[in-house]
Amino acid sequence: MVLMTGGTGTSTILSSAAIYNPATGTFTLTGSMTAARPYHTATLLNNGLVLIAGGEEYSVGWVSNAYVF
C-alpha cells in the first residue's frame, strides 16, 4: 500500500490523499489536507501513521505545518 498526498496535477495544485494498492491497481481516497501543496515530505511513524510536513502553499510560500494520516 502506498499513501499519495498533494503534489501538482495537470494545471492545479492538489490537497487530496489516497491509498494506492499495487496488487489490485486501485486507489482509495482517504481525505485531504486543509491546503493544497507540493514539495512536502512524508515520514512513516512507528505507530503506522504517516507524518506529512512542510511544502509550499502558493498563496503563502514555504510552510512548516504538518498533517498526520
C-alpha atoms as a PDB file:
ATOM      1  CA  MET A   1       0.000   0.000   0.000  1.00  0.00           C
ATOM      2  CA  VAL A   2       1.243   3.466  -0.910  1.00  0.00           C
ATOM      3  CA  LEU A   3      -0.012   6.763   0.521  1.00  0.00           C
ATOM      4  CA  MET A   4      -0.133   9.566  -2.040  1.00  0.00           C
ATOM      5  CA  THR A   5      -0.678  13.153  -0.843  1.00  0.00           C
ATOM      6  CA  GLY A   6      -0.792  16.548  -2.502  1.00  0.00           C
ATOM      7  CA  GLY A   7       1.507  17.482  -5.348  1.00  0.00           C
ATOM      8  CA  THR A   8       0.774  19.001  -8.718  1.00  0.00           C
ATOM      9  CA  GLY A   9      -1.788  17.945 -11.296  1.00  0.00           C
ATOM     10  CA  THR A  10      -2.072  18.905 -14.940  1.00  0.00           C
ATOM     11  CA  SER A  11      -2.820  22.550 -14.168  1.00  0.00           C
ATOM     12  CA  THR A  12      -3.568  22.597 -10.444  1.00  0.00           C
ATOM     13  CA  ILE A  13      -2.061  22.029  -7.005  1.00  0.00           C
ATOM     14  CA  LEU A  14      -3.573  19.082  -5.109  1.00  0.00           C
ATOM     15  CA  SER A  15      -4.651  18.657  -1.480  1.00  0.00           C
ATOM     16  CA  SER A  16      -6.054  15.145  -1.866  1.00  0.00           C
ATOM     17  CA  ALA A  17      -4.762  11.989  -0.215  1.00  0.00           C
ATOM     18  CA  ALA A  18      -5.253   8.437  -1.491  1.00  0.00           C
ATOM     19  CA  ILE A  19      -4.016   4.919  -0.837  1.00  0.00           C
ATOM     20  CA  TYR A  20      -2.754   3.022  -3.892  1.00  0.00           C
ATOM     21  CA  ASN A  21      -2.925  -0.772  -3.787  1.00  0.00           C
ATOM     22  CA  PRO A  22      -0.364  -2.119  -6.298  1.00  0.00           C
ATOM     23  CA  ALA A  23      -1.812  -5.639  -6.067  1.00  0.00           C
ATOM     24  CA  THR A  24      -5.165  -4.505  -7.446  1.00  0.00           C
ATOM     25  CA  GLY A  25      -4.106  -1.307  -9.219  1.00  0.00           C
ATOM     26  CA  THR A  26      -6.793   0.668  -7.368  1.00  0.00           C
ATOM     27  CA  PHE A  27      -6.847   3.988  -5.499  1.00  0.00           C
ATOM     28  CA  THR A  28      -8.931   4.702  -2.402  1.00  0.00           C
ATOM     29  CA  LEU A  29      -9.417   8.325  -1.298  1.00  0.00           C
ATOM     30  CA  THR A  30      -8.578   8.853   2.380  1.00  0.00           C
ATOM     31  CA  GLY A  31      -9.377  12.529   2.852  1.00  0.00           C
ATOM     32  CA  SER A  32      -7.376  15.626   2.128  1.00  0.00           C
ATOM     33  CA  MET A  33      -5.047  18.169   3.631  1.00  0.00           C
ATOM     34  CA  THR A  34      -6.566  21.547   4.521  1.00  0.00           C
ATOM     35  CA  ALA A  35      -4.300  23.251   1.986  1.00  0.00           C
ATOM     36  CA  ALA A  36      -3.023  22.126  -1.387  1.00  0.00           C
ATOM     37  CA  ARG A  37       0.756  21.740  -1.520  1.00  0.00           C
ATOM     38  CA  PRO A  38       3.677  20.207  -3.411  1.00  0.00           C
ATOM     39  CA  TYR A  39       7.256  19.674  -2.171  1.00  0.00           C
ATOM     40  CA  HIS A  40       6.295  18.236   1.231  1.00  0.00           C
ATOM     41  CA  THR A  41       7.855  15.240   2.970  1.00  0.00           C
ATOM     42  CA  ALA A  42       6.211  12.048   4.221  1.00  0.00           C
ATOM     43  CA  THR A  43       7.586  10.025   7.130  1.00  0.00           C
ATOM     44  CA  LEU A  44       6.227   6.672   8.332  1.00  0.00           C
ATOM     45  CA  LEU A  45       5.880   6.772  12.124  1.00  0.00           C
ATOM     46  CA  ASN A  46       6.375   3.786  14.452  1.00  0.00           C
ATOM     47  CA  ASN A  47       2.601   3.618  15.107  1.00  0.00           C
ATOM     48  CA  GLY A  48       1.844   3.151  11.386  1.00  0.00           C
ATOM     49  CA  LEU A  49       0.605   6.701  10.771  1.00  0.00           C
ATOM     50  CA  VAL A  50       2.296   8.965   8.224  1.00  0.00           C
ATOM     51  CA  LEU A  51       3.504  12.481   9.056  1.00  0.00           C
ATOM     52  CA  ILE A  52       3.204  14.959   6.157  1.00  0.00           C
ATOM     53  CA  ALA A  53       5.334  18.041   6.832  1.00  0.00           C
ATOM     54  CA  GLY A  54       6.271  21.293   5.148  1.00  0.00           C
ATOM     55  CA  GLY A  55       5.898  22.048   1.494  1.00  0.00           C
ATOM     56  CA  GLU A  56       4.775  25.110  -0.375  1.00  0.00           C
ATOM     57  CA  GLU A  57       1.368  26.760  -0.370  1.00  0.00           C
ATOM     58  CA  TYR A  58       1.352  29.027  -3.388  1.00  0.00           C
ATOM     59  CA  SER A  59      -0.748  31.720  -1.687  1.00  0.00           C
ATOM     60  CA  VAL A  60       1.574  31.701   1.354  1.00  0.00           C
ATOM     61  CA  GLY A  61       5.006  30.366   0.337  1.00  0.00           C
ATOM     62  CA  TRP A  62       7.006  27.750   2.208  1.00  0.00           C
ATOM     63  CA  VAL A  63       5.199  26.401   5.270  1.00  0.00           C
ATOM     64  CA  SER A  64       6.182  24.405   8.344  1.00  0.00           C
ATOM     65  CA  ASN A  65       2.829  22.921   9.371  1.00  0.00           C
ATOM     66  CA  ALA A  66       2.096  19.192   9.363  1.00  0.00           C
ATOM     67  CA  TYR A  67      -0.675  16.588   8.941  1.00  0.00           C
ATOM     68  CA  VAL A  68      -0.939  13.002  10.187  1.00  0.00           C
ATOM     69  CA  PHE A  69      -2.679  10.281   8.138  1.00  0.00           C
END
